[in-house]
Amino acid sequence: MLDIAEELHRWVEQGRDFAVATVVAVGGSAPRQPGAALAVDADGTAIGSVSGGCVEGAVYELCRQALEDGETVLERFGYSDEDAFAVGLTCGGVIDILVTPVRAGDPVRPVAAAALAAAADGAAAAVARVVSGPAELLGRALLVRPDGSHDGGFGAHPELDRTVAAEAAAFLDAGRTGTLEIGEQGSRCGAPLTVLVESSVPAPRMIVFGAIDFASALVRVGKFLGYHVTVCDARPVFATEARFPDADEIVVEWPHRYLERTEVDGRTVLCVLTHDAKFDVPLLRLALRLPVAYVGAMGSRRTHLERNERLRQVGVTELELARLRSPIGLDLGARTPEETALSIAAEIVAARRGGSGASLTGAHTPIHHDTPSAPAGRIGSVA
């Protein structure tokens, strides 16, 4: 639900009734991950996706039905051996989808509205919903904030709300979306409940050092992938809004000094495109010691070897050097700034998702990789 928060928040503000279908769990080669959502309003307008097209029609009808009868349902879709064109996933996967009505007067409406407002504003928040268990609890929701405070509740047992809020706060801290199993009274005892926790966290950061033509192309690709993109360069004549209109932020400062004071985390990617030793060495010395997702540096193989030697001379260890992606990007034969940006972005995605970067043609590796890191964008991945 939170992956389409901006659109749904507008629907709430406009007073629209709608039903939302959310992927709860996946198995096999399913195209979308838990948290992916499709919503349908009372006029039949649809937004979002739960399967990339395989079961959208059937899910659309489930949403329309939920708007009529007000019932929350959990539906499973999978591949049909007898009829590959039947309603199901012809890719061979299985997905469980929760369909919840969000109408005026529904108990979930205030919680959903608050969660959507927070997510649309870029604030961190998690929403927990009962997926399976007693019928009267299906679809009930709880909003959890980073400070541990929460709104809404399941109305079953006070300890259940407290336990789910604590678990959801841990999901939120890790930027995760997934399910948890818990007893109806908030312990491991009693009737079991399955709760879906969706986490909405601010967009991950991409910091591009070096205001060159290749950086301009990388900024555009970074925005496309859902990053909050910063360009940093010590030269004010090059680090301008006119040259980087798509950047979220432009900083005129020595790169290593900016990196010393700015906030990074385990989803941050650092792309060093300056290939100038006076910038690169102090910057990379710091960058390779930070808990970030990716550090890449542009330059020829000769530049790479010379830069590594300079880094060793300033105390960078071999273990730290092993983190450096240099020359930056995958081997695509790239020439233009746009092609080079694509090769860098492909390496970042492969590193984040655990991909090999090899062609899928003739390969026997999985198409989708499950990794503990969170993807770019609003919804975190299942850990």
Protein backbone atom coordinates (compact mmCIF):
# COMPACT_ATOMS: atom_id res chain seq x y z
CA MET A 1 0.00 0.00 0.00
CA LEU A 2 2.75 2.45 0.92
CA ASP A 3 4.52 1.98 -2.41
CA ILE A 4 1.70 4.01 -4.04
CA ALA A 5 1.34 6.37 -1.08
CA GLU A 6 1.40 9.64 -3.00
CA GLU A 7 -1.52 8.68 -5.23
CA LEU A 8 -3.52 7.09 -2.41
CA HIS A 9 -2.92 10.10 -0.16
CA ARG A 10 -4.51 12.28 -2.85
CA TRP A 11 -7.47 9.91 -2.97
CA VAL A 12 -7.90 10.18 0.81
CA GLU A 13 -7.73 13.99 0.67
CA GLN A 14 -10.34 13.96 -2.08
CA GLY A 15 -12.62 11.78 0.07
CA ARG A 16 -12.60 8.84 -2.31
CA ASP A 17 -13.52 5.33 -1.18
CA PHE A 18 -11.16 2.66 -2.47
CA ALA A 19 -9.96 -0.89 -1.93
CA VAL A 20 -6.29 -1.80 -1.89
CA ALA A 21 -4.76 -5.16 -2.79
CA THR A 22 -1.33 -5.78 -1.29
CA VAL A 23 1.17 -8.57 -1.96
CA VAL A 24 1.66 -10.36 1.36
CA ALA A 25 3.96 -13.25 0.44
CA VAL A 26 5.59 -14.66 -2.68
CA GLY A 27 7.01 -17.98 -3.74
CA GLY A 28 8.99 -19.00 -6.79
CA SER A 29 9.51 -16.55 -9.63
CA ALA A 30 6.95 -13.91 -8.65
CA PRO A 31 7.39 -10.51 -10.35
CA ARG A 32 6.54 -8.25 -7.38
CA GLN A 33 7.64 -8.35 -3.75
CA PRO A 34 5.60 -8.03 -0.52
CA GLY A 35 4.25 -4.52 -0.17
CA ALA A 36 3.48 -4.07 -3.87
CA ALA A 37 -0.08 -2.82 -4.21
CA LEU A 38 -2.95 -2.14 -6.60
CA ALA A 39 -5.84 0.13 -5.60
CA VAL A 40 -9.26 0.68 -7.19
CA ASP A 41 -11.64 3.51 -6.33
CA ALA A 42 -15.43 3.60 -6.48
CA ASP A 43 -15.34 4.91 -10.04
CA GLY A 44 -13.21 1.98 -11.19
CA THR A 45 -9.97 3.93 -11.53
CA ALA A 46 -6.95 1.70 -10.83
CA ILE A 47 -3.38 2.53 -9.81
CA GLY A 48 -0.38 0.37 -8.97
CA SER A 49 0.38 -3.25 -9.73
CA VAL A 50 0.67 -6.54 -7.86
CA SER A 51 1.98 -8.88 -10.55
CA GLY A 52 3.23 -6.95 -13.55
CA GLY A 53 0.09 -7.97 -15.47
CA CYS A 54 -0.43 -11.69 -14.72
CA VAL A 55 -3.37 -11.43 -12.33
CA GLU A 56 -4.24 -7.73 -12.43
CA GLY A 57 -7.69 -8.34 -13.91
CA ALA A 58 -8.73 -10.81 -11.23
CA VAL A 59 -7.35 -8.61 -8.44
CA TYR A 60 -9.17 -5.61 -9.90
CA GLU A 61 -12.46 -7.52 -9.57
CA LEU A 62 -11.62 -8.51 -5.99
CA CYS A 63 -11.12 -4.84 -5.16
CA ARG A 64 -14.46 -3.95 -6.74
CA GLN A 65 -16.13 -6.68 -4.70
CA ALA A 66 -14.47 -5.46 -1.48
CA LEU A 67 -15.82 -1.97 -2.14
CA GLU A 68 -19.32 -3.42 -2.42
CA ASP A 69 -19.41 -5.81 0.54
CA GLY A 70 -16.77 -4.28 2.83
CA GLU A 71 -15.08 -7.64 3.35
CA THR A 72 -11.32 -8.12 3.66
CA VAL A 73 -10.08 -11.24 1.85
CA LEU A 74 -6.79 -13.09 1.41
CA GLU A 75 -6.40 -14.69 -2.01
CA ARG A 76 -3.67 -16.92 -3.45
CA PHE A 77 -2.68 -16.91 -7.11
CA GLY A 78 -0.38 -19.44 -8.73
CA TYR A 79 0.57 -21.17 -11.96
CA SER A 80 -1.93 -23.57 -13.50
CA ASP A 81 -0.38 -26.61 -15.20
CA GLU A 82 -3.65 -27.43 -16.89
CA ASP A 83 -4.13 -24.00 -18.43
CA ALA A 84 -1.22 -21.59 -18.57
CA PHE A 85 -3.61 -18.87 -19.64
CA ALA A 86 -5.94 -19.29 -16.69
CA VAL A 87 -5.89 -16.73 -13.92
CA GLY A 88 -2.48 -17.29 -12.39
CA LEU A 89 1.21 -16.62 -12.69
CA THR A 90 2.54 -18.11 -15.90
CA CYS A 91 6.06 -17.35 -14.63
CA GLY A 92 5.65 -20.21 -12.16
CA GLY A 93 5.40 -18.20 -8.96
CA VAL A 94 2.79 -18.00 -6.22
CA ILE A 95 1.59 -14.81 -4.54
CA ASP A 96 -0.75 -14.19 -1.61
CA ILE A 97 -2.73 -10.95 -1.87
CA LEU A 98 -4.67 -9.16 0.87
CA VAL A 99 -7.61 -7.09 -0.37
CA THR A 100 -8.84 -4.45 2.09
CA PRO A 101 -11.67 -1.92 1.64
CA VAL A 102 -10.75 1.61 2.75
CA ARG A 103 -14.07 3.41 2.79
CA ALA A 104 -15.44 6.23 4.89
CA GLY A 105 -16.40 4.66 8.21
CA ASP A 106 -14.19 1.58 7.84
CA PRO A 107 -11.99 1.04 10.94
CA VAL A 108 -8.87 0.93 8.81
CA ARG A 109 -9.52 4.32 7.19
CA PRO A 110 -7.97 6.65 9.84
CA VAL A 111 -4.88 4.46 10.21
CA ALA A 112 -4.43 4.12 6.46
CA ALA A 113 -4.87 7.88 6.01
CA ALA A 114 -2.21 8.66 8.62
CA ALA A 115 0.21 6.10 7.19
CA LEU A 116 -0.29 7.35 3.63
CA ALA A 117 0.20 10.97 4.70
CA ALA A 118 3.48 10.11 6.41
CA ALA A 119 4.77 8.06 3.49
CA ALA A 120 3.73 10.68 0.92
CA ASP A 121 5.63 13.28 2.94
CA GLY A 122 8.78 11.14 2.94
CA ALA A 123 8.59 10.40 6.67
CA ALA A 124 9.46 7.02 8.15
CA ALA A 125 6.44 4.96 9.22
CA ALA A 126 5.28 1.36 9.34
CA VAL A 127 1.76 0.00 9.05
CA ALA A 128 0.87 -3.45 10.37
CA ARG A 129 -2.23 -5.28 9.13
CA VAL A 130 -3.71 -8.63 10.12
CA VAL A 131 -3.50 -10.97 7.14
CA SER A 132 -4.82 -14.21 8.62
CA GLY A 133 -6.54 -15.13 11.84
CA PRO A 134 -10.03 -14.53 13.29
CA ALA A 135 -12.34 -13.02 10.70
CA GLU A 136 -13.13 -9.98 12.85
CA LEU A 137 -9.42 -8.99 12.88
CA LEU A 138 -8.69 -9.31 9.15
CA GLY A 139 -7.49 -6.03 7.72
CA ARG A 140 -7.24 -4.28 11.10
CA ALA A 141 -4.29 -1.90 11.10
CA LEU A 142 -1.72 -0.29 13.39
CA LEU A 143 0.51 2.67 12.46
CA VAL A 144 3.97 2.72 14.06
CA ARG A 145 6.41 5.65 14.05
CA PRO A 146 10.21 5.61 14.52
CA ASP A 147 9.90 6.73 18.14
CA GLY A 148 7.76 3.66 18.92
CA SER A 149 4.46 5.54 19.26
CA HIS A 150 1.49 4.04 17.44
CA ASP A 151 -2.07 4.79 16.32
CA GLY A 152 -4.97 2.48 15.70
CA GLY A 153 -5.02 -1.09 16.90
CA PHE A 154 -6.47 -4.54 16.46
CA GLY A 155 -9.05 -4.29 19.25
CA ALA A 156 -8.42 -7.84 20.45
CA HIS A 157 -6.00 -7.70 23.37
CA PRO A 158 -3.91 -4.73 24.60
CA GLU A 159 -0.77 -6.86 24.70
CA LEU A 160 -1.25 -7.74 21.03
CA ASP A 161 -1.04 -4.06 20.04
CA ARG A 162 2.06 -3.52 22.18
CA THR A 163 3.84 -6.59 20.82
CA VAL A 164 3.04 -5.82 17.19
CA ALA A 165 4.10 -2.20 17.67
CA ALA A 166 7.48 -3.34 19.03
CA GLU A 167 7.97 -5.83 16.20
CA ALA A 168 6.90 -3.28 13.58
CA ALA A 169 9.32 -0.72 15.01
CA ALA A 170 12.14 -3.23 14.46
CA PHE A 171 10.97 -3.76 10.86
CA LEU A 172 10.92 0.00 10.36
CA ASP A 173 14.39 0.46 11.81
CA ALA A 174 15.72 -2.04 9.25
CA GLY A 175 13.58 -0.65 6.40
CA ARG A 176 11.93 -4.04 5.96
CA THR A 177 8.56 -5.17 4.66
CA GLY A 178 7.38 -8.69 5.50
CA THR A 179 5.18 -10.84 7.73
CA LEU A 180 5.38 -12.00 11.32
CA GLU A 181 3.55 -14.75 13.19
CA ILE A 182 2.16 -14.00 16.63
CA GLY A 183 -0.46 -15.26 19.07
CA GLU A 184 -3.84 -13.54 19.34
CA GLN A 185 -2.98 -12.28 22.83
CA GLY A 186 0.39 -10.85 21.84
CA SER A 187 2.50 -13.88 22.73
CA ARG A 188 3.49 -17.07 20.98
CA CYS A 189 0.48 -18.73 22.61
CA GLY A 190 -3.15 -18.64 21.57
CA ALA A 191 -4.73 -18.55 18.12
CA PRO A 192 -2.03 -17.65 15.57
CA LEU A 193 -2.15 -14.43 13.58
CA THR A 194 -0.16 -13.45 10.51
CA VAL A 195 0.61 -9.74 10.36
CA LEU A 196 1.97 -7.88 7.33
CA VAL A 197 4.30 -5.03 8.23
CA GLU A 198 4.99 -2.45 5.51
CA SER A 199 7.83 -0.02 6.13
CA SER A 200 8.10 3.34 4.45
CA VAL A 201 11.50 4.98 4.75
CA PRO A 202 13.00 8.05 3.05
CA ALA A 203 14.57 7.43 -0.33
CA PRO A 204 18.15 6.11 -0.18
CA ARG A 205 20.94 8.53 -1.06
CA MET A 206 23.17 8.59 -4.10
CA ILE A 207 26.06 11.04 -3.75
CA VAL A 208 27.88 11.82 -6.98
CA PHE A 209 31.29 13.43 -6.54
CA GLY A 210 32.55 15.32 -9.60
CA ALA A 211 30.37 17.69 -11.62
CA ILE A 212 31.23 16.30 -15.06
CA ASP A 213 29.10 15.33 -18.07
CA PHE A 214 29.04 11.69 -16.96
CA ALA A 215 27.68 12.85 -13.59
CA SER A 216 24.75 14.59 -15.27
CA ALA A 217 23.69 11.34 -16.94
CA LEU A 218 24.18 9.38 -13.70
CA VAL A 219 21.99 11.87 -11.81
CA ARG A 220 19.14 11.19 -14.23
CA VAL A 221 19.50 7.42 -13.89
CA GLY A 222 19.78 7.70 -10.11
CA LYS A 223 16.51 9.64 -9.94
CA PHE A 224 14.87 7.04 -12.18
CA LEU A 225 15.94 4.32 -9.71
CA GLY A 226 14.40 6.24 -6.81
CA TYR A 227 17.48 7.72 -5.14
CA HIS A 228 17.75 11.12 -3.50
CA VAL A 229 20.69 12.41 -5.55
CA THR A 230 23.33 14.87 -4.38
CA VAL A 231 26.09 16.28 -6.59
CA CYS A 232 29.22 17.50 -4.83
CA ASP A 233 32.19 19.32 -6.36
CA ALA A 234 34.64 21.88 -5.02
CA ARG A 235 34.44 23.94 -8.23
CA PRO A 236 31.49 26.36 -8.22
CA VAL A 237 31.72 27.01 -11.95
CA PHE A 238 30.76 23.37 -12.64
CA ALA A 239 28.47 22.51 -9.70
CA THR A 240 25.42 24.50 -10.82
CA GLU A 241 21.67 23.93 -11.07
CA ALA A 242 21.84 24.72 -14.78
CA ARG A 243 24.17 21.76 -15.34
CA PHE A 244 22.30 19.40 -12.98
CA PRO A 245 18.60 20.30 -13.08
CA ASP A 246 17.56 16.79 -11.99
CA ALA A 247 19.68 16.70 -8.82
CA ASP A 248 17.92 16.99 -5.47
CA GLU A 249 20.88 18.83 -3.99
CA ILE A 250 24.06 20.50 -5.27
CA VAL A 251 26.93 21.07 -2.86
CA VAL A 252 29.99 23.22 -3.55
CA GLU A 253 32.58 21.88 -1.13
CA TRP A 254 35.67 19.69 -1.03
CA PRO A 255 34.26 16.15 -1.38
CA HIS A 256 35.89 14.61 1.69
CA ARG A 257 34.83 17.52 3.88
CA TYR A 258 31.23 17.18 2.74
CA LEU A 259 31.30 13.41 3.31
CA GLU A 260 32.63 13.99 6.83
CA ARG A 261 29.58 16.05 7.81
CA THR A 262 26.72 14.54 5.83
CA GLU A 263 24.51 11.64 6.90
CA VAL A 264 24.90 8.25 5.22
CA ASP A 265 23.56 4.77 5.99
CA GLY A 266 23.62 1.21 4.78
CA ARG A 267 21.62 2.07 1.64
CA THR A 268 23.79 5.00 0.52
CA VAL A 269 25.79 4.72 -2.72
CA LEU A 270 28.87 6.85 -3.36
CA CYS A 271 30.00 7.43 -6.95
CA VAL A 272 33.39 9.13 -7.31
CA LEU A 273 33.74 10.52 -10.84
CA THR A 274 36.44 13.13 -10.25
CA HIS A 275 39.44 10.87 -11.12
CA ASP A 276 41.74 13.51 -9.68
CA ALA A 277 44.08 12.38 -6.92
CA LYS A 278 43.76 15.54 -4.84
CA PHE A 279 40.02 14.87 -4.56
CA ASP A 280 39.93 11.07 -4.77
CA VAL A 281 42.47 10.04 -2.17
CA PRO A 282 41.11 11.89 0.89
CA LEU A 283 37.55 11.13 -0.21
CA LEU A 284 38.04 7.40 -0.75
CA ARG A 285 40.14 7.06 2.39
CA LEU A 286 37.03 8.13 4.31
CA ALA A 287 34.40 6.51 2.08
CA LEU A 288 35.88 3.00 2.31
CA ARG A 289 35.55 3.12 6.10
CA LEU A 290 31.89 4.12 6.13
CA PRO A 291 28.96 1.64 6.45
CA VAL A 292 27.55 2.41 2.99
CA ALA A 293 26.16 0.06 0.34
CA TYR A 294 28.47 0.91 -2.55
CA VAL A 295 31.64 2.87 -3.29
CA GLY A 296 32.69 3.21 -6.93
CA ALA A 297 35.40 5.31 -8.56
CA MET A 298 35.85 6.27 -12.20
CA GLY A 299 39.15 6.00 -14.02
CA SER A 300 41.23 3.83 -16.33
CA ARG A 301 42.88 0.67 -15.11
CA ARG A 302 46.16 2.56 -14.88
CA THR A 303 44.45 5.28 -12.82
CA HIS A 304 42.95 2.59 -10.62
CA LEU A 305 46.34 1.01 -9.87
CA GLU A 306 47.99 4.36 -9.16
CA ARG A 307 45.07 5.44 -6.96
CA ASN A 308 45.20 2.20 -4.99
CA GLU A 309 48.90 2.72 -4.29
CA ARG A 310 48.24 6.26 -3.06
CA LEU A 311 45.46 4.94 -0.83
CA ARG A 312 47.79 2.34 0.67
CA GLN A 313 50.29 5.09 1.41
CA VAL A 314 47.69 6.95 3.50
CA GLY A 315 46.79 3.86 5.52
CA VAL A 316 43.93 2.24 3.61
CA THR A 317 44.03 -1.52 4.21
CA GLU A 318 43.66 -4.29 1.63
CA LEU A 319 40.33 -5.25 3.19
CA GLU A 320 39.09 -1.69 2.77
CA LEU A 321 40.39 -1.53 -0.81
CA ALA A 322 38.44 -4.70 -1.60
CA ARG A 323 35.23 -2.70 -1.12
CA LEU A 324 36.11 -0.31 -3.94
CA ARG A 325 34.37 -0.82 -7.31
CA SER A 326 36.96 0.48 -9.73
CA PRO A 327 36.95 1.01 -12.63
CA ILE A 328 33.35 1.84 -11.85
CA GLY A 329 30.48 0.06 -13.61
CA LEU A 330 29.85 -3.21 -15.45
CA ASP A 331 31.53 -4.11 -18.73
CA LEU A 332 28.88 -3.00 -21.24
CA GLY A 333 31.32 -1.48 -23.72
CA ALA A 334 29.91 1.92 -22.73
CA ARG A 335 31.18 5.05 -24.49
CA THR A 336 28.73 7.91 -24.02
CA PRO A 337 27.85 9.51 -20.67
CA GLU A 338 24.42 7.88 -20.82
CA GLU A 339 25.84 4.43 -21.55
CA THR A 340 28.40 4.86 -18.78
CA ALA A 341 25.67 5.91 -16.35
CA LEU A 342 23.74 2.78 -17.30
CA SER A 343 26.76 0.58 -16.59
CA ILE A 344 27.26 2.22 -13.18
CA ALA A 345 23.58 1.88 -12.30
CA ALA A 346 23.61 -1.78 -13.39
CA GLU A 347 26.54 -2.49 -11.07
CA ILE A 348 24.77 -0.74 -8.19
CA VAL A 349 21.62 -2.83 -8.72
CA ALA A 350 23.65 -6.04 -9.02
CA ALA A 351 25.53 -5.24 -5.81
CA ARG A 352 22.31 -4.43 -3.97
CA ARG A 353 20.35 -7.44 -5.20
CA GLY A 354 23.14 -10.02 -5.26
CA GLY A 355 23.18 -10.36 -9.05
CA SER A 356 26.19 -11.55 -11.05
CA GLY A 357 25.95 -9.03 -13.87
CA ALA A 358 26.06 -11.89 -16.38
CA SER A 359 23.59 -12.30 -19.24
CA LEU A 360 20.47 -14.25 -18.31
CA THR A 361 20.46 -15.93 -21.71
CA GLY A 362 21.63 -19.52 -21.25
CA ALA A 363 22.20 -19.02 -17.53
CA HIS A 364 20.71 -21.19 -14.80
CA THR A 365 20.82 -18.58 -12.04
CA PRO A 366 17.65 -17.11 -10.46
CA ILE A 367 16.16 -14.08 -12.22
CA HIS A 368 15.11 -12.52 -8.91
CA HIS A 369 17.56 -12.49 -6.00
CA ASP A 370 16.51 -12.17 -2.36
CA THR A 371 19.01 -10.07 -0.40
CA PRO A 372 18.79 -8.42 3.04
CA SER A 373 19.39 -4.91 1.74
CA ALA A 374 16.56 -2.53 1.04
CA PRO A 375 15.81 -1.39 -2.47
CA ALA A 376 15.73 2.09 -3.68
CA GLY A 377 12.43 3.68 -3.16
CA ARG A 378 9.81 3.83 -0.47
CA ILE A 379 9.17 0.21 0.50
CA GLY A 380 11.90 -1.91 2.07
CA SER A 381 12.55 -5.49 1.05
CA VAL A 382 11.99 -8.69 2.94
CA ALA A 383 15.06 -9.55 4.95
